[in-house]
Amino acid sequence: MTTFLYRPVNQKELDLIEQSGWTKFPPRLPEQPIFYPVLNEEYATQISKEWNVPAYGTGYVTRFAVDSEYLNKFGVENVGGAIHNELWVPAEELEEFNRHIVGKIEVIAKHES
């Protein structure tokens, strides 16, 4: 069984995802200790429009499936309103997380300024 997750990304991140064959997210930067996929498209869209577009001019929303049993090790973190649920994956576990992605990472939306 799989669970769909969402991740807002900028163009640079999207290029790295494409280079992976659409199968993994790039390593986190030193100042990014957590990889945080979100649990719904609405929240990912909000981040893309309110953070990525102002910061980078363009934002994308990706969707991907992950083995549900593996995801049980991560608690759901609510960081605001009812839709603001995300998983906190320590940066050092991202490679393992990527191995549990089922299928391809797909772009489902693009936002521009």
PDB file of N, CA and C in Angstrom:
ATOM      1  N   MET A   1       0.841  -1.177   0.000  1.00  0.00           N
ATOM      2  CA  MET A   1       0.000   0.000   0.000  1.00  0.00           C
ATOM      3  C   MET A   1       0.891   1.247   0.000  1.00  0.00           C
ATOM      4  N   THR A   2       0.428   2.275  -0.697  1.00  0.00           N
ATOM      5  CA  THR A   2       1.204   3.514  -0.758  1.00  0.00           C
ATOM      6  C   THR A   2       0.360   4.698  -0.289  1.00  0.00           C
ATOM      7  N   THR A   3       1.057   5.768   0.056  1.00  0.00           N
ATOM      8  CA  THR A   3       0.440   7.027   0.465  1.00  0.00           C
ATOM      9  C   THR A   3       0.986   8.119  -0.436  1.00  0.00           C
ATOM     10  N   PHE A   4       0.101   8.959  -0.963  1.00  0.00           N
ATOM     11  CA  PHE A   4       0.553  10.100  -1.749  1.00  0.00           C
ATOM     12  C   PHE A   4       0.971  11.231  -0.827  1.00  0.00           C
ATOM     13  N   LEU A   5       2.130  11.810  -1.131  1.00  0.00           N
ATOM     14  CA  LEU A   5       2.638  12.988  -0.441  1.00  0.00           C
ATOM     15  C   LEU A   5       2.897  14.065  -1.487  1.00  0.00           C
ATOM     16  N   TYR A   6       3.096  15.284  -1.015  1.00  0.00           N
ATOM     17  CA  TYR A   6       3.298  16.426  -1.902  1.00  0.00           C
ATOM     18  C   TYR A   6       4.509  17.204  -1.422  1.00  0.00           C
ATOM     19  N   ARG A   7       5.162  17.841  -2.374  1.00  0.00           N
ATOM     20  CA  ARG A   7       6.354  18.617  -2.024  1.00  0.00           C
ATOM     21  C   ARG A   7       6.451  19.826  -2.949  1.00  0.00           C
ATOM     22  N   PRO A   8       6.385  21.046  -2.387  1.00  0.00           N
ATOM     23  CA  PRO A   8       6.634  22.222  -3.202  1.00  0.00           C
ATOM     24  C   PRO A   8       8.134  22.368  -3.429  1.00  0.00           C
ATOM     25  N   VAL A   9       8.524  22.681  -4.671  1.00  0.00           N
ATOM     26  CA  VAL A   9       9.946  22.809  -5.001  1.00  0.00           C
ATOM     27  C   VAL A   9      10.160  24.015  -5.912  1.00  0.00           C
ATOM     28  N   ASN A  10      11.397  24.488  -5.939  1.00  0.00           N
ATOM     29  CA  ASN A  10      11.761  25.553  -6.876  1.00  0.00           C
ATOM     30  C   ASN A  10      12.377  24.915  -8.131  1.00  0.00           C
ATOM     31  N   GLN A  11      12.761  25.758  -9.089  1.00  0.00           N
ATOM     32  CA  GLN A  11      13.286  25.246 -10.365  1.00  0.00           C
ATOM     33  C   GLN A  11      14.567  24.438 -10.177  1.00  0.00           C
ATOM     34  N   LYS A  12      15.457  24.906  -9.309  1.00  0.00           N
ATOM     35  CA  LYS A  12      16.726  24.196  -9.087  1.00  0.00           C
ATOM     36  C   LYS A  12      16.470  22.790  -8.541  1.00  0.00           C
ATOM     37  N   GLU A  13      15.571  22.693  -7.559  1.00  0.00           N
ATOM     38  CA  GLU A  13      15.239  21.379  -7.002  1.00  0.00           C
ATOM     39  C   GLU A  13      14.586  20.494  -8.068  1.00  0.00           C
ATOM     40  N   LEU A  14      13.697  21.098  -8.859  1.00  0.00           N
ATOM     41  CA  LEU A  14      13.024  20.325  -9.895  1.00  0.00           C
ATOM     42  C   LEU A  14      14.027  19.778 -10.913  1.00  0.00           C
ATOM     43  N   ASP A  15      15.006  20.589 -11.270  1.00  0.00           N
ATOM     44  CA  ASP A  15      16.039  20.132 -12.203  1.00  0.00           C
ATOM     45  C   ASP A  15      16.795  18.933 -11.643  1.00  0.00           C
ATOM     46  N   LEU A  16      17.089  18.950 -10.349  1.00  0.00           N
ATOM     47  CA  LEU A  16      17.795  17.824  -9.723  1.00  0.00           C
ATOM     48  C   LEU A  16      16.913  16.581  -9.662  1.00  0.00           C
ATOM     49  N   ILE A  17      15.621  16.774  -9.419  1.00  0.00           N
ATOM     50  CA  ILE A  17      14.688  15.640  -9.431  1.00  0.00           C
ATOM     51  C   ILE A  17      14.647  15.033 -10.834  1.00  0.00           C
ATOM     52  N   GLU A  18      14.589  15.883 -11.849  1.00  0.00           N
ATOM     53  CA  GLU A  18      14.580  15.398 -13.232  1.00  0.00           C
ATOM     54  C   GLU A  18      15.861  14.624 -13.543  1.00  0.00           C
ATOM     55  N   GLN A  19      17.002  15.136 -13.081  1.00  0.00           N
ATOM     56  CA  GLN A  19      18.276  14.447 -13.316  1.00  0.00           C
ATOM     57  C   GLN A  19      18.304  13.056 -12.680  1.00  0.00           C
ATOM     58  N   SER A  20      17.517  12.858 -11.634  1.00  0.00           N
ATOM     59  CA  SER A  20      17.460  11.548 -10.975  1.00  0.00           C
ATOM     60  C   SER A  20      16.553  10.578 -11.725  1.00  0.00           C
ATOM     61  N   GLY A  21      15.952  11.037 -12.805  1.00  0.00           N
ATOM     62  CA  GLY A  21      14.984  10.200 -13.510  1.00  0.00           C
ATOM     63  C   GLY A  21      13.614  10.267 -12.857  1.00  0.00           C
ATOM     64  N   TRP A  22      13.370  11.347 -12.119  1.00  0.00           N
ATOM     65  CA  TRP A  22      12.104  11.567 -11.419  1.00  0.00           C
ATOM     66  C   TRP A  22      11.877  10.534 -10.310  1.00  0.00           C
ATOM     67  N   THR A  23      12.972  10.078  -9.685  1.00  0.00           N
ATOM     68  CA  THR A  23      12.845   9.019  -8.674  1.00  0.00           C
ATOM     69  C   THR A  23      13.303   9.414  -7.279  1.00  0.00           C
ATOM     70  N   LYS A  24      13.953  10.579  -7.129  1.00  0.00           N
ATOM     71  CA  LYS A  24      14.400  10.940  -5.784  1.00  0.00           C
ATOM     72  C   LYS A  24      14.554  12.445  -5.625  1.00  0.00           C
ATOM     73  N   PHE A  25      14.493  12.844  -4.367  1.00  0.00           N
ATOM     74  CA  PHE A  25      14.697  14.239  -4.016  1.00  0.00           C
ATOM     75  C   PHE A  25      16.172  14.461  -3.715  1.00  0.00           C
ATOM     76  N   PRO A  26      16.680  15.655  -4.045  1.00  0.00           N
ATOM     77  CA  PRO A  26      18.111  15.922  -3.835  1.00  0.00           C
ATOM     78  C   PRO A  26      18.449  16.042  -2.353  1.00  0.00           C
ATOM     79  N   PRO A  27      19.717  15.818  -2.001  1.00  0.00           N
ATOM     80  CA  PRO A  27      20.141  15.970  -0.610  1.00  0.00           C
ATOM     81  C   PRO A  27      19.826  17.378  -0.104  1.00  0.00           C
ATOM     82  N   ARG A  28      19.598  17.466   1.170  1.00  0.00           N
ATOM     83  CA  ARG A  28      19.331  18.752   1.797  1.00  0.00           C
ATOM     84  C   ARG A  28      20.630  19.545   1.886  1.00  0.00           C
ATOM     85  N   LEU A  29      20.497  20.853   1.914  1.00  0.00           N
ATOM     86  CA  LEU A  29      21.648  21.734   2.111  1.00  0.00           C
ATOM     87  C   LEU A  29      22.015  21.736   3.587  1.00  0.00           C
ATOM     88  N   PRO A  30      23.240  22.134   3.946  1.00  0.00           N
ATOM     89  CA  PRO A  30      23.650  22.107   5.357  1.00  0.00           C
ATOM     90  C   PRO A  30      22.696  22.866   6.291  1.00  0.00           C
ATOM     91  N   GLU A  31      22.092  23.946   5.792  1.00  0.00           N
ATOM     92  CA  GLU A  31      21.182  24.719   6.644  1.00  0.00           C
ATOM     93  C   GLU A  31      19.750  24.164   6.635  1.00  0.00           C
ATOM     94  N   GLN A  32      19.549  22.996   6.027  1.00  0.00           N
ATOM     95  CA  GLN A  32      18.236  22.360   5.948  1.00  0.00           C
ATOM     96  C   GLN A  32      18.273  20.991   6.630  1.00  0.00           C
ATOM     97  N   PRO A  33      18.073  20.944   7.939  1.00  0.00           N
ATOM     98  CA  PRO A  33      18.194  19.675   8.666  1.00  0.00           C
ATOM     99  C   PRO A  33      17.024  18.715   8.479  1.00  0.00           C
ATOM    100  N   ILE A  34      15.926  19.217   7.894  1.00  0.00           N
ATOM    101  CA  ILE A  34      14.728  18.386   7.753  1.00  0.00           C
ATOM    102  C   ILE A  34      14.196  18.462   6.330  1.00  0.00           C
ATOM    103  N   PHE A  35      13.773  17.315   5.810  1.00  0.00           N
ATOM    104  CA  PHE A  35      13.014  17.237   4.565  1.00  0.00           C
ATOM    105  C   PHE A  35      11.565  17.081   4.998  1.00  0.00           C
ATOM    106  N   TYR A  36      10.698  17.961   4.520  1.00  0.00           N
ATOM    107  CA  TYR A  36       9.322  17.894   4.995  1.00  0.00           C
ATOM    108  C   TYR A  36       8.304  17.815   3.859  1.00  0.00           C
ATOM    109  N   PRO A  37       7.984  16.607   3.433  1.00  0.00           N
ATOM    110  CA  PRO A  37       6.870  16.453   2.507  1.00  0.00           C
ATOM    111  C   PRO A  37       5.570  16.763   3.241  1.00  0.00           C
ATOM    112  N   VAL A  38       4.582  17.271   2.499  1.00  0.00           N
ATOM    113  CA  VAL A  38       3.311  17.626   3.125  1.00  0.00           C
ATOM    114  C   VAL A  38       2.239  16.613   2.739  1.00  0.00           C
ATOM    115  N   LEU A  39       1.166  16.594   3.526  1.00  0.00           N
ATOM    116  CA  LEU A  39       0.171  15.545   3.378  1.00  0.00           C
ATOM    117  C   LEU A  39      -0.978  15.871   2.432  1.00  0.00           C
ATOM    118  N   ASN A  40      -1.048  17.114   1.932  1.00  0.00           N
ATOM    119  CA  ASN A  40      -2.150  17.430   1.025  1.00  0.00           C
ATOM    120  C   ASN A  40      -1.729  18.469  -0.009  1.00  0.00           C
ATOM    121  N   GLU A  41      -2.395  18.415  -1.138  1.00  0.00           N
ATOM    122  CA  GLU A  41      -2.080  19.302  -2.258  1.00  0.00           C
ATOM    123  C   GLU A  41      -2.356  20.768  -1.919  1.00  0.00           C
ATOM    124  N   GLU A  42      -3.400  21.019  -1.151  1.00  0.00           N
ATOM    125  CA  GLU A  42      -3.758  22.399  -0.805  1.00  0.00           C
ATOM    126  C   GLU A  42      -2.622  23.100  -0.063  1.00  0.00           C
ATOM    127  N   TYR A  43      -2.023  22.417   0.896  1.00  0.00           N
ATOM    128  CA  TYR A  43      -0.916  22.988   1.663  1.00  0.00           C
ATOM    129  C   TYR A  43       0.321  23.169   0.772  1.00  0.00           C
ATOM    130  N   ALA A  44       0.612  22.197  -0.073  1.00  0.00           N
ATOM    131  CA  ALA A  44       1.757  22.315  -0.981  1.00  0.00           C
ATOM    132  C   ALA A  44       1.573  23.497  -1.929  1.00  0.00           C
ATOM    133  N   THR A  45       0.364  23.699  -2.393  1.00  0.00           N
ATOM    134  CA  THR A  45       0.061  24.832  -3.277  1.00  0.00           C
ATOM    135  C   THR A  45       0.259  26.149  -2.542  1.00  0.00           C
ATOM    136  N   GLN A  46      -0.191  26.210  -1.307  1.00  0.00           N
ATOM    137  CA  GLN A  46      -0.013  27.420  -0.502  1.00  0.00           C
ATOM    138  C   GLN A  46       1.466  27.765  -0.341  1.00  0.00           C
ATOM    139  N   ILE A  47       2.289  26.781  -0.029  1.00  0.00           N
ATOM    140  CA  ILE A  47       3.728  27.020   0.123  1.00  0.00           C
ATOM    141  C   ILE A  47       4.323  27.482  -1.204  1.00  0.00           C
ATOM    142  N   SER A  48       3.938  26.809  -2.287  1.00  0.00           N
ATOM    143  CA  SER A  48       4.469  27.159  -3.600  1.00  0.00           C
ATOM    144  C   SER A  48       4.161  28.618  -3.942  1.00  0.00           C
ATOM    145  N   LYS A  49       2.914  29.022  -3.744  1.00  0.00           N
ATOM    146  CA  LYS A  49       2.490  30.380  -4.107  1.00  0.00           C
ATOM    147  C   LYS A  49       3.038  31.444  -3.149  1.00  0.00           C
ATOM    148  N   GLU A  50       3.049  31.133  -1.854  1.00  0.00           N
ATOM    149  CA  GLU A  50       3.407  32.151  -0.857  1.00  0.00           C
ATOM    150  C   GLU A  50       4.898  32.216  -0.540  1.00  0.00           C
ATOM    151  N   TRP A  51       5.642  31.144  -0.809  1.00  0.00           N
ATOM    152  CA  TRP A  51       7.074  31.126  -0.491  1.00  0.00           C
ATOM    153  C   TRP A  51       7.946  31.010  -1.742  1.00  0.00           C
ATOM    154  N   ASN A  52       7.689  29.986  -2.542  1.00  0.00           N
ATOM    155  CA  ASN A  52       8.571  29.740  -3.690  1.00  0.00           C
ATOM    156  C   ASN A  52       8.437  30.799  -4.775  1.00  0.00           C
ATOM    157  N   VAL A  53       7.219  31.205  -5.100  1.00  0.00           N
ATOM    158  CA  VAL A  53       7.055  32.208  -6.151  1.00  0.00           C
ATOM    159  C   VAL A  53       7.714  33.532  -5.753  1.00  0.00           C
ATOM    160  N   PRO A  54       7.446  34.081  -4.552  1.00  0.00           N
ATOM    161  CA  PRO A  54       8.137  35.329  -4.194  1.00  0.00           C
ATOM    162  C   PRO A  54       9.661  35.187  -4.138  1.00  0.00           C
ATOM    163  N   ALA A  55      10.145  34.040  -3.670  1.00  0.00           N
ATOM    164  CA  ALA A  55      11.590  33.855  -3.507  1.00  0.00           C
ATOM    165  C   ALA A  55      12.298  33.523  -4.815  1.00  0.00           C
ATOM    166  N   TYR A  56      11.635  32.763  -5.707  1.00  0.00           N
ATOM    167  CA  TYR A  56      12.312  32.248  -6.905  1.00  0.00           C
ATOM    168  C   TYR A  56      11.626  32.624  -8.224  1.00  0.00           C
ATOM    169  N   GLY A  57      10.448  33.222  -8.160  1.00  0.00           N
ATOM    170  CA  GLY A  57       9.714  33.575  -9.375  1.00  0.00           C
ATOM    171  C   GLY A  57       8.814  32.477  -9.899  1.00  0.00           C
ATOM    172  N   THR A  58       9.160  31.244  -9.573  1.00  0.00           N
ATOM    173  CA  THR A  58       8.376  30.076 -10.004  1.00  0.00           C
ATOM    174  C   THR A  58       8.373  29.039  -8.889  1.00  0.00           C
ATOM    175  N   GLY A  59       7.262  28.368  -8.752  1.00  0.00           N
ATOM    176  CA  GLY A  59       7.157  27.276  -7.798  1.00  0.00           C
ATOM    177  C   GLY A  59       6.407  26.118  -8.420  1.00  0.00           C
ATOM    178  N   TYR A  60       6.763  24.924  -8.047  1.00  0.00           N
ATOM    179  CA  TYR A  60       6.115  23.719  -8.554  1.00  0.00           C
ATOM    180  C   TYR A  60       5.598  22.903  -7.379  1.00  0.00           C
ATOM    181  N   VAL A  61       4.535  22.149  -7.630  1.00  0.00           N
ATOM    182  CA  VAL A  61       4.038  21.188  -6.652  1.00  0.00           C
ATOM    183  C   VAL A  61       4.258  19.812  -7.236  1.00  0.00           C
ATOM    184  N   THR A  62       4.940  18.970  -6.483  1.00  0.00           N
ATOM    185  CA  THR A  62       5.158  17.586  -6.912  1.00  0.00           C
ATOM    186  C   THR A  62       4.290  16.659  -6.070  1.00  0.00           C
ATOM    187  N   ARG A  63       3.961  15.523  -6.669  1.00  0.00           N
ATOM    188  CA  ARG A  63       3.217  14.475  -5.961  1.00  0.00           C
ATOM    189  C   ARG A  63       3.958  13.170  -6.179  1.00  0.00           C
ATOM    190  N   PHE A  64       3.993  12.353  -5.140  1.00  0.00           N
ATOM    191  CA  PHE A  64       4.697  11.080  -5.228  1.00  0.00           C
ATOM    192  C   PHE A  64       4.124  10.109  -4.212  1.00  0.00           C
ATOM    193  N   ALA A  65       4.272   8.832  -4.495  1.00  0.00           N
ATOM    194  CA  ALA A  65       3.769   7.777  -3.614  1.00  0.00           C
ATOM    195  C   ALA A  65       4.931   7.179  -2.825  1.00  0.00           C
ATOM    196  N   VAL A  66       4.667   6.878  -1.576  1.00  0.00           N
ATOM    197  CA  VAL A  66       5.670   6.280  -0.698  1.00  0.00           C
ATOM    198  C   VAL A  66       5.031   5.084   0.006  1.00  0.00           C
ATOM    199  N   ASP A  67       5.833   4.059   0.222  1.00  0.00           N
ATOM    200  CA  ASP A  67       5.380   2.878   0.946  1.00  0.00           C
ATOM    201  C   ASP A  67       4.776   3.297   2.290  1.00  0.00           C
ATOM    202  N   SER A  68       3.501   2.999   2.488  1.00  0.00           N
ATOM    203  CA  SER A  68       2.778   3.453   3.687  1.00  0.00           C
ATOM    204  C   SER A  68       3.371   2.898   4.972  1.00  0.00           C
ATOM    205  N   GLU A  69       3.779   1.655   4.956  1.00  0.00           N
ATOM    206  CA  GLU A  69       4.339   1.050   6.168  1.00  0.00           C
ATOM    207  C   GLU A  69       5.610   1.783   6.606  1.00  0.00           C
ATOM    208  N   TYR A  70       6.438   2.133   5.652  1.00  0.00           N
ATOM    209  CA  TYR A  70       7.662   2.881   5.964  1.00  0.00           C
ATOM    210  C   TYR A  70       7.325   4.231   6.597  1.00  0.00           C
ATOM    211  N   LEU A  71       6.295   4.890   6.099  1.00  0.00           N
ATOM    212  CA  LEU A  71       5.937   6.225   6.605  1.00  0.00           C
ATOM    213  C   LEU A  71       5.484   6.207   8.060  1.00  0.00           C
ATOM    214  N   ASN A  72       5.079   5.045   8.561  1.00  0.00           N
ATOM    215  CA  ASN A  72       4.614   4.952   9.950  1.00  0.00           C
ATOM    216  C   ASN A  72       5.674   5.386  10.957  1.00  0.00           C
ATOM    217  N   LYS A  73       6.942   5.372  10.555  1.00  0.00           N
ATOM    218  CA  LYS A  73       8.007   5.754  11.490  1.00  0.00           C
ATOM    219  C   LYS A  73       8.067   7.257  11.717  1.00  0.00           C
ATOM    220  N   PHE A  74       7.380   8.023  10.879  1.00  0.00           N
ATOM    221  CA  PHE A  74       7.385   9.480  11.002  1.00  0.00           C
ATOM    222  C   PHE A  74       6.034   9.954  11.514  1.00  0.00           C
ATOM    223  N   GLY A  75       6.051  10.727  12.575  1.00  0.00           N
ATOM    224  CA  GLY A  75       4.807  11.279  13.080  1.00  0.00           C
ATOM    225  C   GLY A  75       4.369  12.460  12.230  1.00  0.00           C
ATOM    226  N   VAL A  76       3.076  12.698  12.185  1.00  0.00           N
ATOM    227  CA  VAL A  76       2.544  13.854  11.476  1.00  0.00           C
ATOM    228  C   VAL A  76       2.734  15.085  12.352  1.00  0.00           C
ATOM    229  N   GLU A  77       3.323  16.103  11.782  1.00  0.00           N
ATOM    230  CA  GLU A  77       3.555  17.359  12.490  1.00  0.00           C
ATOM    231  C   GLU A  77       2.606  18.421  11.944  1.00  0.00           C
ATOM    232  N   ASN A  78       1.830  19.053  12.814  1.00  0.00           N
ATOM    233  CA  ASN A  78       0.964  20.145  12.389  1.00  0.00           C
ATOM    234  C   ASN A  78       1.673  21.440  12.726  1.00  0.00           C
ATOM    235  N   VAL A  79       1.835  22.303  11.721  1.00  0.00           N
ATOM    236  CA  VAL A  79       2.615  23.530  11.906  1.00  0.00           C
ATOM    237  C   VAL A  79       1.772  24.786  11.724  1.00  0.00           C
ATOM    238  N   GLY A  80       0.480  24.668  11.972  1.00  0.00           N
ATOM    239  CA  GLY A  80      -0.381  25.843  11.846  1.00  0.00           C
ATOM    240  C   GLY A  80      -1.835  25.443  11.814  1.00  0.00           C
ATOM    241  N   GLY A  81      -2.483  25.720  10.685  1.00  0.00           N
ATOM    242  CA  GLY A  81      -3.903  25.434  10.530  1.00  0.00           C
ATOM    243  C   GLY A  81      -4.187  23.976  10.250  1.00  0.00           C
ATOM    244  N   ALA A  82      -5.462  23.697  10.033  1.00  0.00           N
ATOM    245  CA  ALA A  82      -5.934  22.323   9.854  1.00  0.00           C
ATOM    246  C   ALA A  82      -5.255  21.608   8.685  1.00  0.00           C
ATOM    247  N   ILE A  83      -4.882  22.340   7.628  1.00  0.00           N
ATOM    248  CA  ILE A  83      -4.277  21.689   6.457  1.00  0.00           C
ATOM    249  C   ILE A  83      -2.757  21.608   6.545  1.00  0.00           C
ATOM    250  N   HIS A  84      -2.163  22.187   7.564  1.00  0.00           N
ATOM    251  CA  HIS A  84      -0.700  22.330   7.630  1.00  0.00           C
ATOM    252  C   HIS A  84      -0.023  21.126   8.281  1.00  0.00           C
ATOM    253  N   ASN A  85      -0.230  19.965   7.678  1.00  0.00           N
ATOM    254  CA  ASN A  85       0.365  18.732   8.179  1.00  0.00           C
ATOM    255  C   ASN A  85       1.510  18.288   7.277  1.00  0.00           C
ATOM    256  N   GLU A  86       2.605  17.909   7.913  1.00  0.00           N
ATOM    257  CA  GLU A  86       3.791  17.480   7.180  1.00  0.00           C
ATOM    258  C   GLU A  86       4.509  16.390   7.951  1.00  0.00           C
ATOM    259  N   LEU A  87       5.395  15.704   7.266  1.00  0.00           N
ATOM    260  CA  LEU A  87       6.263  14.716   7.901  1.00  0.00           C
ATOM    261  C   LEU A  87       7.642  15.337   8.018  1.00  0.00           C
ATOM    262  N   TRP A  88       8.316  15.094   9.113  1.00  0.00           N
ATOM    263  CA  TRP A  88       9.665  15.613   9.298  1.00  0.00           C
ATOM    264  C   TRP A  88      10.650  14.464   9.170  1.00  0.00           C
ATOM    265  N   VAL A  89      11.348  14.455   8.044  1.00  0.00           N
ATOM    266  CA  VAL A  89      12.334  13.414   7.755  1.00  0.00           C
ATOM    267  C   VAL A  89      13.716  14.027   7.974  1.00  0.00           C
ATOM    268  N   PRO A  90      14.482  13.549   8.950  1.00  0.00           N
ATOM    269  CA  PRO A  90      15.829  14.090   9.147  1.00  0.00           C
ATOM    270  C   PRO A  90      16.635  14.003   7.848  1.00  0.00           C
ATOM    271  N   ALA A  91      17.398  15.040   7.573  1.00  0.00           N
ATOM    272  CA  ALA A  91      18.164  15.117   6.324  1.00  0.00           C
ATOM    273  C   ALA A  91      19.012  13.864   6.105  1.00  0.00           C
ATOM    274  N   GLU A  92      19.575  13.320   7.162  1.00  0.00           N
ATOM    275  CA  GLU A  92      20.436  12.151   7.015  1.00  0.00           C
ATOM    276  C   GLU A  92      19.649  10.887   6.634  1.00  0.00           C
ATOM    277  N   GLU A  93      18.319  10.929   6.706  1.00  0.00           N
ATOM    278  CA  GLU A  93      17.489   9.787   6.332  1.00  0.00           C
ATOM    279  C   GLU A  93      16.852   9.954   4.958  1.00  0.00           C
ATOM    280  N   LEU A  94      17.147  11.060   4.263  1.00  0.00           N
ATOM    281  CA  LEU A  94      16.495  11.312   2.981  1.00  0.00           C
ATOM    282  C   LEU A  94      16.820  10.249   1.935  1.00  0.00           C
ATOM    283  N   GLU A  95      18.054   9.762   1.912  1.00  0.00           N
ATOM    284  CA  GLU A  95      18.412   8.722   0.943  1.00  0.00           C
ATOM    285  C   GLU A  95      17.552   7.477   1.146  1.00  0.00           C
ATOM    286  N   GLU A  96      17.368   7.088   2.403  1.00  0.00           N
ATOM    287  CA  GLU A  96      16.512   5.938   2.722  1.00  0.00           C
ATOM    288  C   GLU A  96      15.058   6.241   2.340  1.00  0.00           C
ATOM    289  N   PHE A  97      14.592   7.437   2.638  1.00  0.00           N
ATOM    290  CA  PHE A  97      13.245   7.858   2.258  1.00  0.00           C
ATOM    291  C   PHE A  97      13.055   7.712   0.745  1.00  0.00           C
ATOM    292  N   ASN A  98      14.024   8.199  -0.025  1.00  0.00           N
ATOM    293  CA  ASN A  98      13.951   8.112  -1.480  1.00  0.00           C
ATOM    294  C   ASN A  98      13.804   6.678  -1.965  1.00  0.00           C
ATOM    295  N   ARG A  99      14.428   5.739  -1.276  1.00  0.00           N
ATOM    296  CA  ARG A  99      14.335   4.330  -1.677  1.00  0.00           C
ATOM    297  C   ARG A  99      12.924   3.770  -1.490  1.00  0.00           C
ATOM    298  N   HIS A 100      12.105   4.451  -0.691  1.00  0.00           N
ATOM    299  CA  HIS A 100      10.738   3.987  -0.446  1.00  0.00           C
ATOM    300  C   HIS A 100       9.703   4.694  -1.322  1.00  0.00           C
ATOM    301  N   ILE A 101      10.169   5.574  -2.225  1.00  0.00           N
ATOM    302  CA  ILE A 101       9.257   6.180  -3.192  1.00  0.00           C
ATOM    303  C   ILE A 101       8.871   5.116  -4.203  1.00  0.00           C
ATOM    304  N   VAL A 102       7.590   5.007  -4.483  1.00  0.00           N
ATOM    305  CA  VAL A 102       7.067   4.014  -5.421  1.00  0.00           C
ATOM    306  C   VAL A 102       6.675   4.748  -6.705  1.00  0.00           C
ATOM    307  N   GLY A 103       7.314   4.399  -7.803  1.00  0.00           N
ATOM    308  CA  GLY A 103       7.012   5.059  -9.070  1.00  0.00           C
ATOM    309  C   GLY A 103       7.788   6.361  -9.206  1.00  0.00           C
ATOM    310  N   LYS A 104       7.236   7.266  -9.988  1.00  0.00           N
ATOM    311  CA  LYS A 104       7.908   8.525 -10.315  1.00  0.00           C
ATOM    312  C   LYS A 104       7.347   9.697  -9.517  1.00  0.00           C
ATOM    313  N   ILE A 105       8.185  10.688  -9.338  1.00  0.00           N
ATOM    314  CA  ILE A 105       7.757  11.970  -8.779  1.00  0.00           C
ATOM    315  C   ILE A 105       7.173  12.754  -9.946  1.00  0.00           C
ATOM    316  N   GLU A 106       5.974  13.281  -9.779  1.00  0.00           N
ATOM    317  CA  GLU A 106       5.346  14.010 -10.882  1.00  0.00           C
ATOM    318  C   GLU A 106       5.045  15.451 -10.499  1.00  0.00           C
ATOM    319  N   VAL A 107       5.130  16.335 -11.482  1.00  0.00           N
ATOM    320  CA  VAL A 107       4.765  17.724 -11.283  1.00  0.00           C
ATOM    321  C   VAL A 107       3.272  17.838 -11.555  1.00  0.00           C
ATOM    322  N   ILE A 108       2.524  18.362 -10.583  1.00  0.00           N
ATOM    323  CA  ILE A 108       1.083  18.495 -10.765  1.00  0.00           C
ATOM    324  C   ILE A 108       0.639  19.950 -10.871  1.00  0.00           C
ATOM    325  N   ALA A 109       1.543  20.903 -10.578  1.00  0.00           N
ATOM    326  CA  ALA A 109       1.178  22.309 -10.712  1.00  0.00           C
ATOM    327  C   ALA A 109       2.438  23.162 -10.842  1.00  0.00           C
ATOM    328  N   LYS A 110       2.273  24.284 -11.544  1.00  0.00           N
ATOM    329  CA  LYS A 110       3.333  25.281 -11.676  1.00  0.00           C
ATOM    330  C   LYS A 110       2.718  26.631 -11.368  1.00  0.00           C
ATOM    331  N   HIS A 111       3.403  27.426 -10.551  1.00  0.00           N
ATOM    332  CA  HIS A 111       2.953  28.767 -10.191  1.00  0.00           C
ATOM    333  C   HIS A 111       4.037  29.769 -10.527  1.00  0.00           C
ATOM    334  N   GLU A 112       3.626  30.905 -11.064  1.00  0.00           N
ATOM    335  CA  GLU A 112       4.590  31.936 -11.445  1.00  0.00           C
ATOM    336  C   GLU A 112       4.107  33.292 -10.972  1.00  0.00           C
ATOM    337  N   SER A 113       5.081  34.211 -10.854  1.00  0.00           N
ATOM    338  CA  SER A 113       4.707  35.566 -10.438  1.00  0.00           C
ATOM    339  C   SER A 113       4.217  36.360 -11.627  1.00  0.00           C
TER     340      SER A 113
END
